[in-house]
Amino acid sequence: MAGAFLAQGVLIPCSTRSLRRRPLVQTSLIEAGITLMDFQATRWLMDKKVPPQEGNNHPTNTPMGLFRTADGFLNIAATSTRISRSSAS
């Protein structure tokens, strides 16, 4: 995530018309790690519940994860109800 934040920090100033001043671009590994804890931190702060490991599964969106099929595995990442319904039919 820190690399993604750095790329955004470099590209955003490039999108402006004037680059007379060179902007300072910084990124933080700790802040990038904190952004990845949104679901886990919310569970802890709201319910005082330590969230279990999710693996490939998403903690709130379903279906999302690795599912066994007759001939192997299928990774599904349906990010909306519309996509989920269309993939099921």
PDB file of N, CA and C in Angstrom:
ATOM      1  N   MET A   1       0.818  -1.186   0.000  1.00  0.00           N
ATOM      2  CA  MET A   1       0.000   0.000   0.000  1.00  0.00           C
ATOM      3  C   MET A   1       0.864   1.253   0.000  1.00  0.00           C
ATOM      4  N   ALA A   2       1.989   1.211   0.680  1.00  0.00           N
ATOM      5  CA  ALA A   2       2.841   2.401   0.697  1.00  0.00           C
ATOM      6  C   ALA A   2       3.281   2.755  -0.716  1.00  0.00           C
ATOM      7  N   GLY A   3       3.572   1.739  -1.537  1.00  0.00           N
ATOM      8  CA  GLY A   3       3.948   1.989  -2.923  1.00  0.00           C
ATOM      9  C   GLY A   3       2.816   2.604  -3.718  1.00  0.00           C
ATOM     10  N   ALA A   4       1.585   2.144  -3.475  1.00  0.00           N
ATOM     11  CA  ALA A   4       0.427   2.718  -4.168  1.00  0.00           C
ATOM     12  C   ALA A   4       0.225   4.169  -3.753  1.00  0.00           C
ATOM     13  N   PHE A   5       0.389   4.453  -2.459  1.00  0.00           N
ATOM     14  CA  PHE A   5       0.269   5.832  -1.994  1.00  0.00           C
ATOM     15  C   PHE A   5       1.354   6.713  -2.603  1.00  0.00           C
ATOM     16  N   LEU A   6       2.571   6.187  -2.722  1.00  0.00           N
ATOM     17  CA  LEU A   6       3.660   6.937  -3.333  1.00  0.00           C
ATOM     18  C   LEU A   6       3.344   7.238  -4.800  1.00  0.00           C
ATOM     19  N   ALA A   7       2.850   6.247  -5.529  1.00  0.00           N
ATOM     20  CA  ALA A   7       2.506   6.461  -6.939  1.00  0.00           C
ATOM     21  C   ALA A   7       1.436   7.538  -7.081  1.00  0.00           C
ATOM     22  N   GLN A   8       0.435   7.520  -6.212  1.00  0.00           N
ATOM     23  CA  GLN A   8      -0.602   8.548  -6.252  1.00  0.00           C
ATOM     24  C   GLN A   8      -0.018   9.913  -5.928  1.00  0.00           C
ATOM     25  N   GLY A   9       0.884   9.947  -4.948  1.00  0.00           N
ATOM     26  CA  GLY A   9       1.507  11.207  -4.567  1.00  0.00           C
ATOM     27  C   GLY A   9       2.363  11.794  -5.672  1.00  0.00           C
ATOM     28  N   VAL A  10       2.945  10.950  -6.498  1.00  0.00           N
ATOM     29  CA  VAL A  10       3.753  11.430  -7.620  1.00  0.00           C
ATOM     30  C   VAL A  10       2.860  11.854  -8.787  1.00  0.00           C
ATOM     31  N   LEU A  11       1.792  11.100  -9.048  1.00  0.00           N
ATOM     32  CA  LEU A  11       0.949  11.383 -10.206  1.00  0.00           C
ATOM     33  C   LEU A  11       0.025  12.583 -10.013  1.00  0.00           C
ATOM     34  N   ILE A  12      -0.458  12.807  -8.817  1.00  0.00           N
ATOM     35  CA  ILE A  12      -1.396  13.914  -8.594  1.00  0.00           C
ATOM     36  C   ILE A  12      -0.770  15.267  -8.941  1.00  0.00           C
ATOM     37  N   PRO A  13       0.447  15.579  -8.482  1.00  0.00           N
ATOM     38  CA  PRO A  13       1.035  16.860  -8.901  1.00  0.00           C
ATOM     39  C   PRO A  13       1.260  16.944 -10.413  1.00  0.00           C
ATOM     40  N   CYS A  14       1.491  15.823 -11.066  1.00  0.00           N
ATOM     41  CA  CYS A  14       1.695  15.827 -12.522  1.00  0.00           C
ATOM     42  C   CYS A  14       0.425  16.187 -13.266  1.00  0.00           C
ATOM     43  N   SER A  15      -0.720  16.023 -12.631  1.00  0.00           N
ATOM     44  CA  SER A  15      -1.981  16.321 -13.302  1.00  0.00           C
ATOM     45  C   SER A  15      -2.310  17.808 -13.277  1.00  0.00           C
ATOM     46  N   THR A  16      -1.567  18.591 -12.518  1.00  0.00           N
ATOM     47  CA  THR A  16      -1.813  20.035 -12.489  1.00  0.00           C
ATOM     48  C   THR A  16      -1.108  20.684 -13.667  1.00  0.00           C
ATOM     49  N   ARG A  17      -1.575  21.845 -14.053  1.00  0.00           N
ATOM     50  CA  ARG A  17      -1.006  22.520 -15.215  1.00  0.00           C
ATOM     51  C   ARG A  17       0.350  23.140 -14.911  1.00  0.00           C
ATOM     52  N   SER A  18       0.533  23.573 -13.704  1.00  0.00           N
ATOM     53  CA  SER A  18       1.773  24.273 -13.383  1.00  0.00           C
ATOM     54  C   SER A  18       2.618  23.443 -12.425  1.00  0.00           C
ATOM     55  N   LEU A  19       3.845  23.168 -12.828  1.00  0.00           N
ATOM     56  CA  LEU A  19       4.770  22.443 -11.961  1.00  0.00           C
ATOM     57  C   LEU A  19       5.990  23.317 -11.670  1.00  0.00           C
ATOM     58  N   ARG A  20       5.741  24.603 -11.369  1.00  0.00           N
ATOM     59  CA  ARG A  20       6.840  25.511 -11.072  1.00  0.00           C
ATOM     60  C   ARG A  20       7.575  25.091  -9.810  1.00  0.00           C
ATOM     61  N   ARG A  21       6.817  24.648  -8.823  1.00  0.00           N
ATOM     62  CA  ARG A  21       7.429  24.195  -7.569  1.00  0.00           C
ATOM     63  C   ARG A  21       7.414  22.680  -7.547  1.00  0.00           C
ATOM     64  N   ARG A  22       8.475  22.099  -7.088  1.00  0.00           N
ATOM     65  CA  ARG A  22       8.523  20.642  -6.954  1.00  0.00           C
ATOM     66  C   ARG A  22       7.872  20.257  -5.630  1.00  0.00           C
ATOM     67  N   PRO A  23       6.802  19.486  -5.678  1.00  0.00           N
ATOM     68  CA  PRO A  23       6.146  19.098  -4.415  1.00  0.00           C
ATOM     69  C   PRO A  23       6.947  18.025  -3.690  1.00  0.00           C
ATOM     70  N   LEU A  24       6.885  18.057  -2.398  1.00  0.00           N
ATOM     71  CA  LEU A  24       7.507  17.027  -1.563  1.00  0.00           C
ATOM     72  C   LEU A  24       6.524  15.862  -1.458  1.00  0.00           C
ATOM     73  N   VAL A  25       6.961  14.684  -1.817  1.00  0.00           N
ATOM     74  CA  VAL A  25       6.118  13.497  -1.770  1.00  0.00           C
ATOM     75  C   VAL A  25       6.668  12.569  -0.697  1.00  0.00           C
ATOM     76  N   GLN A  26       5.837  12.245   0.281  1.00  0.00           N
ATOM     77  CA  GLN A  26       6.231  11.326   1.349  1.00  0.00           C
ATOM     78  C   GLN A  26       5.171  10.251   1.479  1.00  0.00           C
ATOM     79  N   THR A  27       5.585   9.095   1.925  1.00  0.00           N
ATOM     80  CA  THR A  27       4.645   8.017   2.215  1.00  0.00           C
ATOM     81  C   THR A  27       5.091   7.340   3.500  1.00  0.00           C
ATOM     82  N   SER A  28       4.198   6.638   4.130  1.00  0.00           N
ATOM     83  CA  SER A  28       4.488   6.035   5.419  1.00  0.00           C
ATOM     84  C   SER A  28       4.036   4.580   5.422  1.00  0.00           C
ATOM     85  N   LEU A  29       4.937   3.688   5.780  1.00  0.00           N
ATOM     86  CA  LEU A  29       4.570   2.277   5.877  1.00  0.00           C
ATOM     87  C   LEU A  29       3.549   2.040   6.980  1.00  0.00           C
ATOM     88  N   ILE A  30       3.697   2.724   8.116  1.00  0.00           N
ATOM     89  CA  ILE A  30       2.764   2.511   9.228  1.00  0.00           C
ATOM     90  C   ILE A  30       1.362   3.016   8.866  1.00  0.00           C
ATOM     91  N   GLU A  31       1.273   4.163   8.210  1.00  0.00           N
ATOM     92  CA  GLU A  31      -0.036   4.676   7.811  1.00  0.00           C
ATOM     93  C   GLU A  31      -0.675   3.798   6.750  1.00  0.00           C
ATOM     94  N   ALA A  32       0.131   3.271   5.840  1.00  0.00           N
ATOM     95  CA  ALA A  32      -0.396   2.351   4.838  1.00  0.00           C
ATOM     96  C   ALA A  32      -0.936   1.098   5.509  1.00  0.00           C
ATOM     97  N   GLY A  33      -0.230   0.580   6.512  1.00  0.00           N
ATOM     98  CA  GLY A  33      -0.699  -0.596   7.243  1.00  0.00           C
ATOM     99  C   GLY A  33      -1.981  -0.330   7.994  1.00  0.00           C
ATOM    100  N   ILE A  34      -2.097   0.871   8.557  1.00  0.00           N
ATOM    101  CA  ILE A  34      -3.315   1.226   9.301  1.00  0.00           C
ATOM    102  C   ILE A  34      -4.526   1.257   8.376  1.00  0.00           C
ATOM    103  N   THR A  35      -4.352   1.722   7.136  1.00  0.00           N
ATOM    104  CA  THR A  35      -5.490   1.764   6.218  1.00  0.00           C
ATOM    105  C   THR A  35      -5.998   0.373   5.874  1.00  0.00           C
ATOM    106  N   LEU A  36      -5.140  -0.637   5.991  1.00  0.00           N
ATOM    107  CA  LEU A  36      -5.562  -2.006   5.701  1.00  0.00           C
ATOM    108  C   LEU A  36      -6.327  -2.636   6.863  1.00  0.00           C
ATOM    109  N   MET A  37      -6.384  -1.962   7.998  1.00  0.00           N
ATOM    110  CA  MET A  37      -7.031  -2.521   9.185  1.00  0.00           C
ATOM    111  C   MET A  37      -8.452  -2.023   9.377  1.00  0.00           C
ATOM    112  N   ASP A  38      -9.080  -1.454   8.346  1.00  0.00           N
ATOM    113  CA  ASP A  38     -10.375  -0.819   8.553  1.00  0.00           C
ATOM    114  C   ASP A  38     -11.429  -1.763   9.102  1.00  0.00           C
ATOM    115  N   PHE A  39     -11.601  -2.936   8.524  1.00  0.00           N
ATOM    116  CA  PHE A  39     -12.620  -3.857   9.024  1.00  0.00           C
ATOM    117  C   PHE A  39     -12.251  -4.419  10.395  1.00  0.00           C
ATOM    118  N   GLN A  40     -10.992  -4.783  10.563  1.00  0.00           N
ATOM    119  CA  GLN A  40     -10.560  -5.366  11.824  1.00  0.00           C
ATOM    120  C   GLN A  40     -10.634  -4.345  12.959  1.00  0.00           C
ATOM    121  N   ALA A  41     -10.193  -3.140  12.706  1.00  0.00           N
ATOM    122  CA  ALA A  41     -10.230  -2.109  13.747  1.00  0.00           C
ATOM    123  C   ALA A  41     -11.667  -1.755  14.118  1.00  0.00           C
ATOM    124  N   THR A  42     -12.552  -1.715  13.136  1.00  0.00           N
ATOM    125  CA  THR A  42     -13.962  -1.408  13.423  1.00  0.00           C
ATOM    126  C   THR A  42     -14.580  -2.505  14.283  1.00  0.00           C
ATOM    127  N   ARG A  43     -14.303  -3.753  13.973  1.00  0.00           N
ATOM    128  CA  ARG A  43     -14.836  -4.848  14.807  1.00  0.00           C
ATOM    129  C   ARG A  43     -14.348  -4.721  16.239  1.00  0.00           C
ATOM    130  N   TRP A  44     -13.091  -4.387  16.411  1.00  0.00           N
ATOM    131  CA  TRP A  44     -12.548  -4.270  17.766  1.00  0.00           C
ATOM    132  C   TRP A  44     -13.146  -3.064  18.490  1.00  0.00           C
ATOM    133  N   LEU A  45     -13.207  -1.925  17.817  1.00  0.00           N
ATOM    134  CA  LEU A  45     -13.695  -0.715  18.472  1.00  0.00           C
ATOM    135  C   LEU A  45     -15.189  -0.777  18.775  1.00  0.00           C
ATOM    136  N   MET A  46     -15.979  -1.430  17.922  1.00  0.00           N
ATOM    137  CA  MET A  46     -17.427  -1.460  18.126  1.00  0.00           C
ATOM    138  C   MET A  46     -17.882  -2.606  19.032  1.00  0.00           C
ATOM    139  N   ASP A  47     -17.288  -3.790  18.856  1.00  0.00           N
ATOM    140  CA  ASP A  47     -17.774  -4.978  19.559  1.00  0.00           C
ATOM    141  C   ASP A  47     -16.777  -5.571  20.545  1.00  0.00           C
ATOM    142  N   LYS A  48     -15.555  -5.026  20.586  1.00  0.00           N
ATOM    143  CA  LYS A  48     -14.475  -5.597  21.411  1.00  0.00           C
ATOM    144  C   LYS A  48     -14.243  -7.057  21.052  1.00  0.00           C
ATOM    145  N   LYS A  49     -14.408  -7.366  19.762  1.00  0.00           N
ATOM    146  CA  LYS A  49     -14.268  -8.725  19.266  1.00  0.00           C
ATOM    147  C   LYS A  49     -12.988  -8.804  18.427  1.00  0.00           C
ATOM    148  N   VAL A  50     -12.129  -9.753  18.742  1.00  0.00           N
ATOM    149  CA  VAL A  50     -10.920  -9.953  17.947  1.00  0.00           C
ATOM    150  C   VAL A  50     -11.316 -10.701  16.682  1.00  0.00           C
ATOM    151  N   PRO A  51     -11.150 -10.075  15.511  1.00  0.00           N
ATOM    152  CA  PRO A  51     -11.585 -10.734  14.287  1.00  0.00           C
ATOM    153  C   PRO A  51     -10.693 -11.915  13.934  1.00  0.00           C
ATOM    154  N   PRO A  52     -11.280 -12.992  13.426  1.00  0.00           N
ATOM    155  CA  PRO A  52     -10.474 -14.148  13.019  1.00  0.00           C
ATOM    156  C   PRO A  52      -9.778 -13.877  11.685  1.00  0.00           C
ATOM    157  N   GLN A  53      -8.835 -14.732  11.328  1.00  0.00           N
ATOM    158  CA  GLN A  53      -8.205 -14.628  10.021  1.00  0.00           C
ATOM    159  C   GLN A  53      -9.234 -14.952   8.951  1.00  0.00           C
ATOM    160  N   GLU A  54      -9.258 -14.166   7.893  1.00  0.00           N
ATOM    161  CA  GLU A  54     -10.251 -14.346   6.835  1.00  0.00           C
ATOM    162  C   GLU A  54      -9.690 -15.077   5.630  1.00  0.00           C
ATOM    163  N   GLY A  55      -8.375 -15.095   5.457  1.00  0.00           N
ATOM    164  CA  GLY A  55      -7.803 -15.726   4.273  1.00  0.00           C
ATOM    165  C   GLY A  55      -8.214 -14.984   3.017  1.00  0.00           C
ATOM    166  N   ASN A  56      -8.741 -15.694   2.043  1.00  0.00           N
ATOM    167  CA  ASN A  56      -9.199 -15.065   0.803  1.00  0.00           C
ATOM    168  C   ASN A  56     -10.593 -14.475   0.926  1.00  0.00           C
ATOM    169  N   ASN A  57     -11.278 -14.747   2.004  1.00  0.00           N
ATOM    170  CA  ASN A  57     -12.647 -14.271   2.174  1.00  0.00           C
ATOM    171  C   ASN A  57     -12.664 -12.820   2.605  1.00  0.00           C
ATOM    172  N   HIS A  58     -13.719 -12.106   2.209  1.00  0.00           N
ATOM    173  CA  HIS A  58     -13.910 -10.728   2.630  1.00  0.00           C
ATOM    174  C   HIS A  58     -14.771 -10.747   3.886  1.00  0.00           C
ATOM    175  N   PRO A  59     -14.466  -9.916   4.867  1.00  0.00           N
ATOM    176  CA  PRO A  59     -15.216  -9.987   6.124  1.00  0.00           C
ATOM    177  C   PRO A  59     -16.676  -9.557   6.025  1.00  0.00           C
ATOM    178  N   THR A  60     -17.061  -8.761   5.019  1.00  0.00           N
ATOM    179  CA  THR A  60     -18.454  -8.317   4.935  1.00  0.00           C
ATOM    180  C   THR A  60     -19.104  -8.581   3.584  1.00  0.00           C
ATOM    181  N   ASN A  61     -18.360  -8.590   2.500  1.00  0.00           N
ATOM    182  CA  ASN A  61     -18.946  -8.829   1.172  1.00  0.00           C
ATOM    183  C   ASN A  61     -18.976 -10.315   0.862  1.00  0.00           C
ATOM    184  N   THR A  62     -20.125 -10.797   0.418  1.00  0.00           N
ATOM    185  CA  THR A  62     -20.227 -12.192  -0.007  1.00  0.00           C
ATOM    186  C   THR A  62     -20.977 -12.247  -1.317  1.00  0.00           C
ATOM    187  N   PRO A  63     -20.738 -13.164  -2.205  1.00  0.00           N
ATOM    188  CA  PRO A  63     -19.686 -14.174  -2.094  1.00  0.00           C
ATOM    189  C   PRO A  63     -18.335 -13.592  -2.497  1.00  0.00           C
ATOM    190  N   MET A  64     -17.354 -13.829  -1.696  1.00  0.00           N
ATOM    191  CA  MET A  64     -15.995 -13.439  -2.010  1.00  0.00           C
ATOM    192  C   MET A  64     -15.065 -14.419  -1.330  1.00  0.00           C
ATOM    193  N   GLY A  65     -14.257 -15.093  -2.120  1.00  0.00           N
ATOM    194  CA  GLY A  65     -13.319 -16.039  -1.553  1.00  0.00           C
ATOM    195  C   GLY A  65     -13.000 -17.165  -2.505  1.00  0.00           C
ATOM    196  N   LEU A  66     -12.358 -18.171  -1.974  1.00  0.00           N
ATOM    197  CA  LEU A  66     -11.950 -19.337  -2.743  1.00  0.00           C
ATOM    198  C   LEU A  66     -12.937 -20.466  -2.463  1.00  0.00           C
ATOM    199  N   PHE A  67     -13.551 -20.992  -3.518  1.00  0.00           N
ATOM    200  CA  PHE A  67     -14.573 -22.016  -3.374  1.00  0.00           C
ATOM    201  C   PHE A  67     -14.143 -23.277  -4.110  1.00  0.00           C
ATOM    202  N   ARG A  68     -14.367 -24.424  -3.481  1.00  0.00           N
ATOM    203  CA  ARG A  68     -14.031 -25.711  -4.096  1.00  0.00           C
ATOM    204  C   ARG A  68     -15.088 -26.068  -5.132  1.00  0.00           C
ATOM    205  N   THR A  69     -14.633 -26.552  -6.279  1.00  0.00           N
ATOM    206  CA  THR A  69     -15.528 -27.036  -7.333  1.00  0.00           C
ATOM    207  C   THR A  69     -15.178 -28.490  -7.633  1.00  0.00           C
ATOM    208  N   ALA A  70     -15.913 -29.099  -8.549  1.00  0.00           N
ATOM    209  CA  ALA A  70     -15.670 -30.508  -8.874  1.00  0.00           C
ATOM    210  C   ALA A  70     -14.289 -30.738  -9.478  1.00  0.00           C
ATOM    211  N   ASP A  71     -13.769 -29.735 -10.185  1.00  0.00           N
ATOM    212  CA  ASP A  71     -12.476 -29.937 -10.846  1.00  0.00           C
ATOM    213  C   ASP A  71     -11.371 -29.005 -10.336  1.00  0.00           C
ATOM    214  N   GLY A  72     -11.530 -28.447  -9.170  1.00  0.00           N
ATOM    215  CA  GLY A  72     -10.481 -27.580  -8.598  1.00  0.00           C
ATOM    216  C   GLY A  72     -11.080 -26.486  -7.736  1.00  0.00           C
ATOM    217  N   PHE A  73     -10.535 -25.299  -7.858  1.00  0.00           N
ATOM    218  CA  PHE A  73     -10.992 -24.175  -7.051  1.00  0.00           C
ATOM    219  C   PHE A  73     -11.370 -23.007  -7.947  1.00  0.00           C
ATOM    220  N   LEU A  74     -12.260 -22.153  -7.450  1.00  0.00           N
ATOM    221  CA  LEU A  74     -12.702 -20.962  -8.160  1.00  0.00           C
ATOM    222  C   LEU A  74     -12.648 -19.795  -7.188  1.00  0.00           C
ATOM    223  N   ASN A  75     -11.970 -18.726  -7.580  1.00  0.00           N
ATOM    224  CA  ASN A  75     -11.897 -17.526  -6.752  1.00  0.00           C
ATOM    225  C   ASN A  75     -12.960 -16.550  -7.240  1.00  0.00           C
ATOM    226  N   ILE A  76     -13.904 -16.187  -6.364  1.00  0.00           N
ATOM    227  CA  ILE A  76     -15.001 -15.290  -6.711  1.00  0.00           C
ATOM    228  C   ILE A  76     -14.839 -14.003  -5.917  1.00  0.00           C
ATOM    229  N   ALA A  77     -15.001 -12.881  -6.608  1.00  0.00           N
ATOM    230  CA  ALA A  77     -14.933 -11.575  -5.955  1.00  0.00           C
ATOM    231  C   ALA A  77     -16.051 -10.706  -6.507  1.00  0.00           C
ATOM    232  N   ALA A  78     -17.284 -11.030  -6.141  1.00  0.00           N
ATOM    233  CA  ALA A  78     -18.439 -10.251  -6.576  1.00  0.00           C
ATOM    234  C   ALA A  78     -18.576  -9.052  -5.650  1.00  0.00           C
ATOM    235  N   THR A  79     -18.358  -7.859  -6.202  1.00  0.00           N
ATOM    236  CA  THR A  79     -18.335  -6.662  -5.362  1.00  0.00           C
ATOM    237  C   THR A  79     -19.679  -5.979  -5.226  1.00  0.00           C
ATOM    238  N   SER A  80     -20.707  -6.512  -5.867  1.00  0.00           N
ATOM    239  CA  SER A  80     -22.038  -5.934  -5.724  1.00  0.00           C
ATOM    240  C   SER A  80     -23.087  -7.028  -5.898  1.00  0.00           C
ATOM    241  N   THR A  81     -24.301  -6.734  -5.485  1.00  0.00           N
ATOM    242  CA  THR A  81     -25.391  -7.693  -5.618  1.00  0.00           C
ATOM    243  C   THR A  81     -25.677  -7.974  -7.087  1.00  0.00           C
ATOM    244  N   ARG A  82     -25.597  -6.961  -7.939  1.00  0.00           N
ATOM    245  CA  ARG A  82     -25.851  -7.133  -9.367  1.00  0.00           C
ATOM    246  C   ARG A  82     -24.851  -8.098  -9.988  1.00  0.00           C
ATOM    247  N   ILE A  83     -23.581  -7.921  -9.661  1.00  0.00           N
ATOM    248  CA  ILE A  83     -22.552  -8.812 -10.200  1.00  0.00           C
ATOM    249  C   ILE A  83     -22.734 -10.219  -9.646  1.00  0.00           C
ATOM    250  N   SER A  84     -23.068 -10.319  -8.369  1.00  0.00           N
ATOM    251  CA  SER A  84     -23.274 -11.626  -7.753  1.00  0.00           C
ATOM    252  C   SER A  84     -24.423 -12.379  -8.431  1.00  0.00           C
ATOM    253  N   ARG A  85     -25.510 -11.690  -8.688  1.00  0.00           N
ATOM    254  CA  ARG A  85     -26.667 -12.323  -9.338  1.00  0.00           C
ATOM    255  C   ARG A  85     -26.350 -12.725 -10.773  1.00  0.00           C
ATOM    256  N   SER A  86     -25.627 -11.873 -11.493  1.00  0.00           N
ATOM    257  CA  SER A  86     -25.341 -12.198 -12.889  1.00  0.00           C
ATOM    258  C   SER A  86     -24.345 -13.346 -12.993  1.00  0.00           C
ATOM    259  N   SER A  87     -23.452 -13.483 -12.033  1.00  0.00           N
ATOM    260  CA  SER A  87     -22.505 -14.596 -12.074  1.00  0.00           C
ATOM    261  C   SER A  87     -23.149 -15.908 -11.665  1.00  0.00           C
ATOM    262  N   ALA A  88     -24.230 -15.830 -10.906  1.00  0.00           N
ATOM    263  CA  ALA A  88     -24.908 -17.052 -10.467  1.00  0.00           C
ATOM    264  C   ALA A  88     -25.808 -17.630 -11.553  1.00  0.00           C
ATOM    265  N   SER A  89     -26.200 -16.794 -12.493  1.00  0.00           N
ATOM    266  CA  SER A  89     -27.124 -17.286 -13.541  1.00  0.00           C
ATOM    267  C   SER A  89     -26.391 -17.765 -14.775  1.00  0.00           C
TER     268      SER A  89
END
